[in-house]
C-alpha cells in the first residue's frame, strides 16, 4: 500500500464528525490493506508506532521537526517558524511548503519503518540523526503525506479515535459497507 492512500484516508477521517462514517472509512482502509500492513496501519491511526505499553516515541520535538521541514523543502527555518506561529500545526506547515509537483512514491511500510528507525535511534549525535532521517522522509513526500508524517512524528495526529474504534474497523471488512446506513445495520447485526 502506498502511503499517499493512507494519507488520503487520514484526511477524510480528520474531516469526518460522524462516528459511523469513521467506521466506514476505517473499514475501507483496512480492506485495502495487506496482511503485513494491518498492524502498522492500526498503530499509526492511533498516532503511535507500537502498542502504548511499549512506550516508544520518535523523540523529535517541534524545533527538530521544523528544522527537518526547512531542509526538506529548501526554505529557511524563519519561514517555517512564522507559518507555525500562524497555523499552530507543523503538519499543515509541511503540507503548505512541500512542492505540489511531488509524486507519490513512499510505501506505507517504508514510512512506518522509517519512523520506527527514528524512534529507535539513540546515543551520541542521535538528535541530528533523527532530524536527518525525518528530512529524508519529507524530501520524498507529497504535501499531504508531509502533513501526516510530521503529525505522527510529533504525536499529534488529531483523529480522536482509540483502539476500540480501530478494532471494530478491523472486524468491519467482513461486512459490505456501501453506506453509513448499511454499515450501521451490519454493525448492529454483529453486536
Protein backbone atom coordinates (compact mmCIF):
# COMPACT_ATOMS: atom_id res chain seq x y z
CA UNK A 1 0.00 0.00 0.00
CA UNK A 2 1.24 3.47 -0.85
CA UNK A 3 1.49 5.98 1.99
CA UNK A 4 -0.50 8.53 -0.04
CA UNK A 5 -3.53 6.20 0.10
CA UNK A 6 -3.22 6.13 3.89
CA UNK A 7 -2.77 9.92 4.00
CA UNK A 8 -5.92 10.41 1.92
CA UNK A 9 -7.88 8.27 4.38
CA UNK A 10 -6.43 10.22 7.30
CA UNK A 11 -7.60 13.45 5.70
CA UNK A 12 -11.10 12.04 5.19
CA UNK A 13 -11.18 10.77 8.79
CA UNK A 14 -10.00 14.13 10.09
CA UNK A 15 -12.83 15.88 8.27
CA UNK A 16 -15.50 13.42 9.42
CA UNK A 17 -17.55 14.10 12.53
CA UNK A 18 -19.82 11.08 12.20
CA UNK A 19 -18.63 8.03 14.11
CA UNK A 20 -20.49 5.76 11.67
CA UNK A 21 -18.79 7.38 8.72
CA UNK A 22 -15.47 6.86 10.50
CA UNK A 23 -16.26 3.15 10.78
CA UNK A 24 -16.98 3.03 7.06
CA UNK A 25 -13.73 4.82 6.21
CA UNK A 26 -11.70 2.60 8.54
CA UNK A 27 -13.39 -0.47 7.04
CA UNK A 28 -12.41 0.66 3.54
CA UNK A 29 -8.85 1.40 4.65
CA UNK A 30 -8.34 -1.97 6.32
CA UNK A 31 -10.00 -3.78 3.43
CA UNK A 32 -7.34 -2.25 1.14
CA UNK A 33 -4.51 -3.27 3.49
CA UNK A 34 -2.28 -6.24 3.02
CA UNK A 35 -1.76 -8.59 5.99
CA UNK A 36 1.68 -7.10 6.73
CA UNK A 37 0.34 -3.52 6.81
CA UNK A 38 -2.66 -4.06 9.12
CA UNK A 39 -0.76 -3.72 12.43
CA UNK A 40 1.25 -0.65 11.30
CA UNK A 41 -1.97 0.92 10.00
CA UNK A 42 -3.72 0.34 13.30
CA UNK A 43 -0.86 1.83 15.32
CA UNK A 44 -0.46 4.83 13.02
CA UNK A 45 -4.22 5.51 13.11
CA UNK A 46 -3.81 5.92 16.86
CA UNK A 47 -0.81 8.18 16.28
CA UNK A 48 1.57 5.58 17.69
CA UNK A 49 4.32 3.34 16.38
CA UNK A 50 3.72 0.37 18.67
CA UNK A 51 1.25 -0.54 21.41
CA UNK A 52 1.06 2.02 24.23
CA UNK A 53 2.71 -0.30 26.74
CA UNK A 54 5.90 -0.27 24.61
CA UNK A 55 6.27 3.47 25.30
CA UNK A 56 8.08 4.10 22.01
CA UNK A 57 8.02 7.67 20.70
CA UNK A 58 10.05 9.30 17.95
CA UNK A 59 11.83 11.65 20.34
CA UNK A 60 11.60 14.51 17.86
CA UNK A 61 10.36 17.84 19.17
CA UNK A 62 8.95 20.89 17.44
CA UNK A 63 12.37 22.52 16.83
CA UNK A 64 13.87 19.44 15.20
CA UNK A 65 10.74 18.82 13.13
CA UNK A 66 10.74 22.47 11.98
CA UNK A 67 14.41 22.19 11.00
CA UNK A 68 13.73 18.95 9.11
CA UNK A 69 10.86 20.60 7.23
CA UNK A 70 13.04 23.60 6.33
CA UNK A 71 15.79 21.42 4.90
CA UNK A 72 13.36 19.09 3.10
CA UNK A 73 11.60 21.91 1.27
CA UNK A 74 14.58 24.22 0.85
CA UNK A 75 13.22 27.09 2.94
CA UNK A 76 14.64 29.00 5.87
CA UNK A 77 13.78 27.98 9.42
CA UNK A 78 12.38 31.50 9.91
CA UNK A 79 9.71 30.90 7.28
CA UNK A 80 8.78 27.56 8.86
CA UNK A 81 8.62 29.18 12.32
CA UNK A 82 6.49 32.06 11.02
CA UNK A 83 3.96 29.72 9.42
CA UNK A 84 3.98 27.52 12.51
CA UNK A 85 3.06 30.50 14.68
CA UNK A 86 0.19 31.35 12.31
CA UNK A 87 -1.25 27.85 11.99
CA UNK A 88 -0.17 26.21 15.23
CA UNK A 89 0.33 22.97 13.29
CA UNK A 90 3.70 21.94 11.84
CA UNK A 91 1.92 19.29 9.80
CA UNK A 92 -0.01 21.99 7.93
CA UNK A 93 3.22 23.97 7.54
CA UNK A 94 4.94 20.96 5.98
CA UNK A 95 1.99 20.46 3.65
CA UNK A 96 1.95 24.11 2.58
CA UNK A 97 5.70 24.29 1.92
CA UNK A 98 6.12 20.92 0.18
CA UNK A 99 6.24 21.38 -3.59
CA UNK A 100 2.90 20.28 -5.10
CA UNK A 101 4.70 18.71 -8.05
CA UNK A 102 5.97 15.80 -5.95
CA UNK A 103 4.53 12.44 -6.97
CA UNK A 104 3.60 9.70 -4.51
CA UNK A 105 6.49 7.29 -4.11
CA UNK A 106 6.54 6.33 -0.43
CA UNK A 107 5.22 2.95 0.62
CA UNK A 108 3.22 2.51 3.80
CA UNK A 109 5.75 0.12 5.35
CA UNK A 110 8.64 2.31 4.21
CA UNK A 111 7.27 5.28 6.18
CA UNK A 112 6.37 3.12 9.18
CA UNK A 113 9.82 1.53 9.29
CA UNK A 114 11.42 4.94 8.80
CA UNK A 115 9.51 6.29 11.82
CA UNK A 116 10.49 3.20 13.85
CA UNK A 117 14.12 3.79 12.92
CA UNK A 118 13.84 7.41 14.08
CA UNK A 119 12.30 6.30 17.37
CA UNK A 120 14.97 3.66 17.98
CA UNK A 121 17.92 5.91 17.13
CA UNK A 122 19.83 6.68 20.30
CA UNK A 123 23.24 7.58 21.60
CA UNK A 124 25.70 10.31 20.77
CA UNK A 125 24.51 12.50 17.90
CA UNK A 126 21.07 10.86 17.83
CA UNK A 127 19.18 14.17 17.70
CA UNK A 128 20.93 15.09 14.45
CA UNK A 129 20.46 11.57 13.07
CA UNK A 130 16.73 11.65 13.87
CA UNK A 131 16.36 15.04 12.20
CA UNK A 132 18.25 13.83 9.11
CA UNK A 133 16.09 10.69 8.89
CA UNK A 134 12.90 12.77 9.11
CA UNK A 135 14.28 15.14 6.47
CA UNK A 136 14.94 12.18 4.17
CA UNK A 137 11.33 11.00 4.50
CA UNK A 138 9.94 14.50 3.95
CA UNK A 139 12.09 15.09 0.85
CA UNK A 140 10.24 12.24 -0.86
CA UNK A 141 6.76 13.01 0.44
CA UNK A 142 3.85 14.74 -1.27
CA UNK A 143 2.28 17.73 0.50
CA UNK A 144 -0.47 15.63 2.12
CA UNK A 145 1.96 12.87 3.09
CA UNK A 146 4.19 15.51 4.70
CA UNK A 147 1.31 16.74 6.84
CA UNK A 148 0.71 13.32 8.33
CA UNK A 149 4.36 12.25 8.61
CA UNK A 150 5.04 15.36 10.70
CA UNK A 151 1.92 14.95 12.82
CA UNK A 152 2.65 11.29 13.53
CA UNK A 153 6.28 12.13 14.31
CA UNK A 154 5.18 14.74 16.85
CA UNK A 155 2.41 12.55 18.29
CA UNK A 156 -0.33 14.95 17.15
CA UNK A 157 -2.41 13.05 14.65
CA UNK A 158 -5.72 14.58 15.81
CA UNK A 159 -8.13 11.88 14.65
CA UNK A 160 -9.77 11.42 18.03
CA UNK A 161 -10.02 7.65 17.74
CA UNK A 162 -8.77 4.95 20.01
CA UNK A 163 -8.22 1.24 19.97
CA UNK A 164 -11.93 0.28 20.28
CA UNK A 165 -12.83 2.17 17.09
CA UNK A 166 -9.91 0.65 15.22
CA UNK A 167 -10.65 -2.86 16.50
CA UNK A 168 -14.22 -2.54 15.29
CA UNK A 169 -12.95 -1.30 11.94
CA UNK A 170 -10.64 -4.29 11.58
CA UNK A 171 -13.67 -6.53 12.11
CA UNK A 172 -15.72 -4.45 9.68
CA UNK A 173 -14.19 -5.54 6.36
CA UNK A 174 -16.25 -8.72 6.69
CA UNK A 175 -19.31 -6.52 6.19
CA UNK A 176 -20.29 -4.97 2.88
CA UNK A 177 -20.43 -1.30 3.84
CA UNK A 178 -21.78 0.65 0.87
CA UNK A 179 -23.08 3.48 3.03
CA UNK A 180 -23.21 4.52 6.66
CA UNK A 181 -26.78 3.20 6.91
CA UNK A 182 -25.82 -0.21 5.55
CA UNK A 183 -22.82 -0.26 7.81
CA UNK A 184 -24.92 0.58 10.88
CA UNK A 185 -27.28 -2.29 10.10
CA UNK A 186 -24.30 -4.64 9.70
CA UNK A 187 -22.68 -3.38 12.88
CA UNK A 188 -25.87 -3.90 14.87
CA UNK A 189 -26.07 -7.42 13.47
CA UNK A 190 -22.53 -8.13 14.69
CA UNK A 191 -23.24 -6.85 18.16
